[in-house]
Amino acid sequence: MSLLIYLLASLVFTVMLGFLIAERRGRKIKPAERLVVLLVLLSVLALSFWELYRY
């Protein structure tokens, strides 16, 4: 389970970095895209805290 959390976190970080690069190049990022990335990031954080405090 913790490996899945790390993989999801790295995926979200990569997507957010891609969004930053795309915005610097002039591409507009849709609010729906931002919302999806934010929701995935929050779920990864919730899963990681749940893993930490489960024991």
PDB file of N, CA and C in Angstrom:
ATOM      1  N   MET A   1       0.821  -1.196   0.000  1.00  0.00           N
ATOM      2  CA  MET A   1       0.000   0.000   0.000  1.00  0.00           C
ATOM      3  C   MET A   1       0.862   1.255   0.000  1.00  0.00           C
ATOM      4  N   SER A   2       1.955   1.233   0.749  1.00  0.00           N
ATOM      5  CA  SER A   2       2.793   2.436   0.803  1.00  0.00           C
ATOM      6  C   SER A   2       3.494   2.678  -0.534  1.00  0.00           C
ATOM      7  N   LEU A   3       3.814   1.612  -1.257  1.00  0.00           N
ATOM      8  CA  LEU A   3       4.418   1.788  -2.578  1.00  0.00           C
ATOM      9  C   LEU A   3       3.436   2.469  -3.523  1.00  0.00           C
ATOM     10  N   LEU A   4       2.174   2.100  -3.429  1.00  0.00           N
ATOM     11  CA  LEU A   4       1.148   2.733  -4.254  1.00  0.00           C
ATOM     12  C   LEU A   4       1.028   4.218  -3.932  1.00  0.00           C
ATOM     13  N   ILE A   5       1.121   4.567  -2.665  1.00  0.00           N
ATOM     14  CA  ILE A   5       1.045   5.971  -2.262  1.00  0.00           C
ATOM     15  C   ILE A   5       2.222   6.751  -2.834  1.00  0.00           C
ATOM     16  N   TYR A   6       3.411   6.184  -2.758  1.00  0.00           N
ATOM     17  CA  TYR A   6       4.578   6.870  -3.306  1.00  0.00           C
ATOM     18  C   TYR A   6       4.483   7.017  -4.818  1.00  0.00           C
ATOM     19  N   LEU A   7       3.972   6.001  -5.493  1.00  0.00           N
ATOM     20  CA  LEU A   7       3.811   6.092  -6.940  1.00  0.00           C
ATOM     21  C   LEU A   7       2.790   7.158  -7.319  1.00  0.00           C
ATOM     22  N   LEU A   8       1.677   7.211  -6.600  1.00  0.00           N
ATOM     23  CA  LEU A   8       0.672   8.239  -6.875  1.00  0.00           C
ATOM     24  C   LEU A   8       1.207   9.638  -6.589  1.00  0.00           C
ATOM     25  N   ALA A   9       1.951   9.773  -5.507  1.00  0.00           N
ATOM     26  CA  ALA A   9       2.513  11.085  -5.168  1.00  0.00           C
ATOM     27  C   ALA A   9       3.501  11.542  -6.233  1.00  0.00           C
ATOM     28  N   SER A  10       4.332  10.638  -6.717  1.00  0.00           N
ATOM     29  CA  SER A  10       5.289  11.027  -7.754  1.00  0.00           C
ATOM     30  C   SER A  10       4.576  11.350  -9.060  1.00  0.00           C
ATOM     31  N   LEU A  11       3.491  10.636  -9.353  1.00  0.00           N
ATOM     32  CA  LEU A  11       2.717  10.933 -10.555  1.00  0.00           C
ATOM     33  C   LEU A  11       2.073  12.312 -10.466  1.00  0.00           C
ATOM     34  N   VAL A  12       1.495  12.629  -9.321  1.00  0.00           N
ATOM     35  CA  VAL A  12       0.870  13.942  -9.139  1.00  0.00           C
ATOM     36  C   VAL A  12       1.914  15.045  -9.220  1.00  0.00           C
ATOM     37  N   PHE A  13       3.079  14.822  -8.620  1.00  0.00           N
ATOM     38  CA  PHE A  13       4.145  15.822  -8.686  1.00  0.00           C
ATOM     39  C   PHE A  13       4.580  16.048 -10.127  1.00  0.00           C
ATOM     40  N   THR A  14       4.703  14.974 -10.894  1.00  0.00           N
ATOM     41  CA  THR A  14       5.108  15.097 -12.291  1.00  0.00           C
ATOM     42  C   THR A  14       4.061  15.848 -13.101  1.00  0.00           C
ATOM     43  N   VAL A  15       2.791  15.567 -12.860  1.00  0.00           N
ATOM     44  CA  VAL A  15       1.727  16.261 -13.589  1.00  0.00           C
ATOM     45  C   VAL A  15       1.703  17.736 -13.225  1.00  0.00           C
ATOM     46  N   MET A  16       1.874  18.052 -11.945  1.00  0.00           N
ATOM     47  CA  MET A  16       1.894  19.459 -11.536  1.00  0.00           C
ATOM     48  C   MET A  16       3.085  20.189 -12.140  1.00  0.00           C
ATOM     49  N   LEU A  17       4.229  19.529 -12.195  1.00  0.00           N
ATOM     50  CA  LEU A  17       5.402  20.129 -12.828  1.00  0.00           C
ATOM     51  C   LEU A  17       5.149  20.351 -14.315  1.00  0.00           C
ATOM     52  N   GLY A  18       4.491  19.402 -14.954  1.00  0.00           N
ATOM     53  CA  GLY A  18       4.130  19.565 -16.362  1.00  0.00           C
ATOM     54  C   GLY A  18       3.184  20.730 -16.574  1.00  0.00           C
ATOM     55  N   PHE A  19       2.241  20.924 -15.646  1.00  0.00           N
ATOM     56  CA  PHE A  19       1.336  22.066 -15.734  1.00  0.00           C
ATOM     57  C   PHE A  19       2.104  23.379 -15.635  1.00  0.00           C
ATOM     58  N   LEU A  20       3.065  23.442 -14.718  1.00  0.00           N
ATOM     59  CA  LEU A  20       3.856  24.667 -14.581  1.00  0.00           C
ATOM     60  C   LEU A  20       4.642  24.966 -15.848  1.00  0.00           C
ATOM     61  N   ILE A  21       5.237  23.936 -16.429  1.00  0.00           N
ATOM     62  CA  ILE A  21       5.999  24.129 -17.668  1.00  0.00           C
ATOM     63  C   ILE A  21       5.071  24.554 -18.800  1.00  0.00           C
ATOM     64  N   ALA A  22       3.899  23.935 -18.886  1.00  0.00           N
ATOM     65  CA  ALA A  22       2.946  24.283 -19.947  1.00  0.00           C
ATOM     66  C   ALA A  22       2.448  25.713 -19.793  1.00  0.00           C
ATOM     67  N   GLU A  23       2.221  26.154 -18.556  1.00  0.00           N
ATOM     68  CA  GLU A  23       1.771  27.530 -18.345  1.00  0.00           C
ATOM     69  C   GLU A  23       2.851  28.530 -18.729  1.00  0.00           C
ATOM     70  N   ARG A  24       4.097  28.192 -18.471  1.00  0.00           N
ATOM     71  CA  ARG A  24       5.182  29.104 -18.847  1.00  0.00           C
ATOM     72  C   ARG A  24       5.319  29.207 -20.361  1.00  0.00           C
ATOM     73  N   ARG A  25       4.935  28.150 -21.058  1.00  0.00           N
ATOM     74  CA  ARG A  25       5.009  28.164 -22.524  1.00  0.00           C
ATOM     75  C   ARG A  25       3.769  28.781 -23.157  1.00  0.00           C
ATOM     76  N   GLY A  26       2.803  29.167 -22.350  1.00  0.00           N
ATOM     77  CA  GLY A  26       1.648  29.880 -22.868  1.00  0.00           C
ATOM     78  C   GLY A  26       0.375  29.071 -22.980  1.00  0.00           C
ATOM     79  N   ARG A  27       0.386  27.818 -22.600  1.00  0.00           N
ATOM     80  CA  ARG A  27      -0.838  27.010 -22.670  1.00  0.00           C
ATOM     81  C   ARG A  27      -1.695  27.283 -21.445  1.00  0.00           C
ATOM     82  N   LYS A  28      -2.975  27.497 -21.692  1.00  0.00           N
ATOM     83  CA  LYS A  28      -3.901  27.713 -20.578  1.00  0.00           C
ATOM     84  C   LYS A  28      -4.328  26.364 -20.012  1.00  0.00           C
ATOM     85  N   ILE A  29      -4.240  26.236 -18.700  1.00  0.00           N
ATOM     86  CA  ILE A  29      -4.665  25.018 -18.024  1.00  0.00           C
ATOM     87  C   ILE A  29      -6.118  25.205 -17.588  1.00  0.00           C
ATOM     88  N   LYS A  30      -6.962  24.247 -17.936  1.00  0.00           N
ATOM     89  CA  LYS A  30      -8.384  24.351 -17.600  1.00  0.00           C
ATOM     90  C   LYS A  30      -8.581  24.160 -16.095  1.00  0.00           C
ATOM     91  N   PRO A  31      -9.583  24.848 -15.535  1.00  0.00           N
ATOM     92  CA  PRO A  31      -9.856  24.668 -14.100  1.00  0.00           C
ATOM     93  C   PRO A  31     -10.218  23.231 -13.742  1.00  0.00           C
ATOM     94  N   ALA A  32     -10.854  22.513 -14.654  1.00  0.00           N
ATOM     95  CA  ALA A  32     -11.198  21.116 -14.373  1.00  0.00           C
ATOM     96  C   ALA A  32      -9.937  20.261 -14.236  1.00  0.00           C
ATOM     97  N   GLU A  33      -8.929  20.544 -15.059  1.00  0.00           N
ATOM     98  CA  GLU A  33      -7.665  19.809 -14.955  1.00  0.00           C
ATOM     99  C   GLU A  33      -6.998  20.082 -13.616  1.00  0.00           C
ATOM    100  N   ARG A  34      -7.008  21.334 -13.209  1.00  0.00           N
ATOM    101  CA  ARG A  34      -6.425  21.684 -11.910  1.00  0.00           C
ATOM    102  C   ARG A  34      -7.173  20.999 -10.769  1.00  0.00           C
ATOM    103  N   LEU A  35      -8.493  20.960 -10.878  1.00  0.00           N
ATOM    104  CA  LEU A  35      -9.311  20.352  -9.835  1.00  0.00           C
ATOM    105  C   LEU A  35      -9.028  18.860  -9.705  1.00  0.00           C
ATOM    106  N   VAL A  36      -8.888  18.176 -10.825  1.00  0.00           N
ATOM    107  CA  VAL A  36      -8.605  16.743 -10.785  1.00  0.00           C
ATOM    108  C   VAL A  36      -7.261  16.487 -10.124  1.00  0.00           C
ATOM    109  N   VAL A  37      -6.246  17.254 -10.500  1.00  0.00           N
ATOM    110  CA  VAL A  37      -4.919  17.073  -9.903  1.00  0.00           C
ATOM    111  C   VAL A  37      -4.958  17.387  -8.415  1.00  0.00           C
ATOM    112  N   LEU A  38      -5.678  18.431  -8.029  1.00  0.00           N
ATOM    113  CA  LEU A  38      -5.783  18.786  -6.615  1.00  0.00           C
ATOM    114  C   LEU A  38      -6.496  17.699  -5.816  1.00  0.00           C
ATOM    115  N   LEU A  39      -7.558  17.134  -6.372  1.00  0.00           N
ATOM    116  CA  LEU A  39      -8.275  16.067  -5.675  1.00  0.00           C
ATOM    117  C   LEU A  39      -7.417  14.819  -5.521  1.00  0.00           C
ATOM    118  N   VAL A  40      -6.655  14.476  -6.557  1.00  0.00           N
ATOM    119  CA  VAL A  40      -5.766  13.311  -6.453  1.00  0.00           C
ATOM    120  C   VAL A  40      -4.683  13.572  -5.423  1.00  0.00           C
ATOM    121  N   LEU A  41      -4.136  14.784  -5.410  1.00  0.00           N
ATOM    122  CA  LEU A  41      -3.108  15.122  -4.431  1.00  0.00           C
ATOM    123  C   LEU A  41      -3.655  15.037  -3.007  1.00  0.00           C
ATOM    124  N   LEU A  42      -4.852  15.550  -2.788  1.00  0.00           N
ATOM    125  CA  LEU A  42      -5.455  15.478  -1.457  1.00  0.00           C
ATOM    126  C   LEU A  42      -5.752  14.046  -1.046  1.00  0.00           C
ATOM    127  N   SER A  43      -6.170  13.223  -1.988  1.00  0.00           N
ATOM    128  CA  SER A  43      -6.426  11.822  -1.638  1.00  0.00           C
ATOM    129  C   SER A  43      -5.134  11.088  -1.321  1.00  0.00           C
ATOM    130  N   VAL A  44      -4.049  11.416  -2.022  1.00  0.00           N
ATOM    131  CA  VAL A  44      -2.749  10.809  -1.710  1.00  0.00           C
ATOM    132  C   VAL A  44      -2.296  11.231  -0.321  1.00  0.00           C
ATOM    133  N   LEU A  45      -2.476  12.502   0.014  1.00  0.00           N
ATOM    134  CA  LEU A  45      -2.112  12.964   1.352  1.00  0.00           C
ATOM    135  C   LEU A  45      -2.957  12.284   2.422  1.00  0.00           C
ATOM    136  N   ALA A  46      -4.247  12.137   2.159  1.00  0.00           N
ATOM    137  CA  ALA A  46      -5.116  11.468   3.130  1.00  0.00           C
ATOM    138  C   ALA A  46      -4.713  10.011   3.306  1.00  0.00           C
ATOM    139  N   LEU A  47      -4.396   9.333   2.212  1.00  0.00           N
ATOM    140  CA  LEU A  47      -3.954   7.942   2.302  1.00  0.00           C
ATOM    141  C   LEU A  47      -2.650   7.814   3.069  1.00  0.00           C
ATOM    142  N   SER A  48      -1.735   8.744   2.846  1.00  0.00           N
ATOM    143  CA  SER A  48      -0.452   8.654   3.537  1.00  0.00           C
ATOM    144  C   SER A  48      -0.617   8.911   5.032  1.00  0.00           C
ATOM    145  N   PHE A  49      -1.466   9.878   5.417  1.00  0.00           N
ATOM    146  CA  PHE A  49      -1.707  10.093   6.840  1.00  0.00           C
ATOM    147  C   PHE A  49      -2.425   8.905   7.458  1.00  0.00           C
ATOM    148  N   TRP A  50      -3.326   8.288   6.697  1.00  0.00           N
ATOM    149  CA  TRP A  50      -4.026   7.112   7.204  1.00  0.00           C
ATOM    150  C   TRP A  50      -3.043   5.972   7.426  1.00  0.00           C
ATOM    151  N   GLU A  51      -2.083   5.817   6.513  1.00  0.00           N
ATOM    152  CA  GLU A  51      -1.058   4.779   6.670  1.00  0.00           C
ATOM    153  C   GLU A  51      -0.177   5.063   7.891  1.00  0.00           C
ATOM    154  N   LEU A  52       0.147   6.340   8.110  1.00  0.00           N
ATOM    155  CA  LEU A  52       1.015   6.691   9.232  1.00  0.00           C
ATOM    156  C   LEU A  52       0.336   6.445  10.571  1.00  0.00           C
ATOM    157  N   TYR A  53      -0.918   6.855  10.688  1.00  0.00           N
ATOM    158  CA  TYR A  53      -1.592   6.802  11.982  1.00  0.00           C
ATOM    159  C   TYR A  53      -2.425   5.547  12.180  1.00  0.00           C
ATOM    160  N   ARG A  54      -2.357   4.626  11.244  1.00  0.00           N
ATOM    161  CA  ARG A  54      -3.119   3.392  11.373  1.00  0.00           C
ATOM    162  C   ARG A  54      -2.547   2.512  12.470  1.00  0.00           C
ATOM    163  N   TYR A  55      -1.252   2.578  12.670  1.00  0.00           N
ATOM    164  CA  TYR A  55      -0.605   1.683  13.638  1.00  0.00           C
ATOM    165  C   TYR A  55      -0.627   2.285  15.013  1.00  0.00           C
TER     166      TYR A  55
END
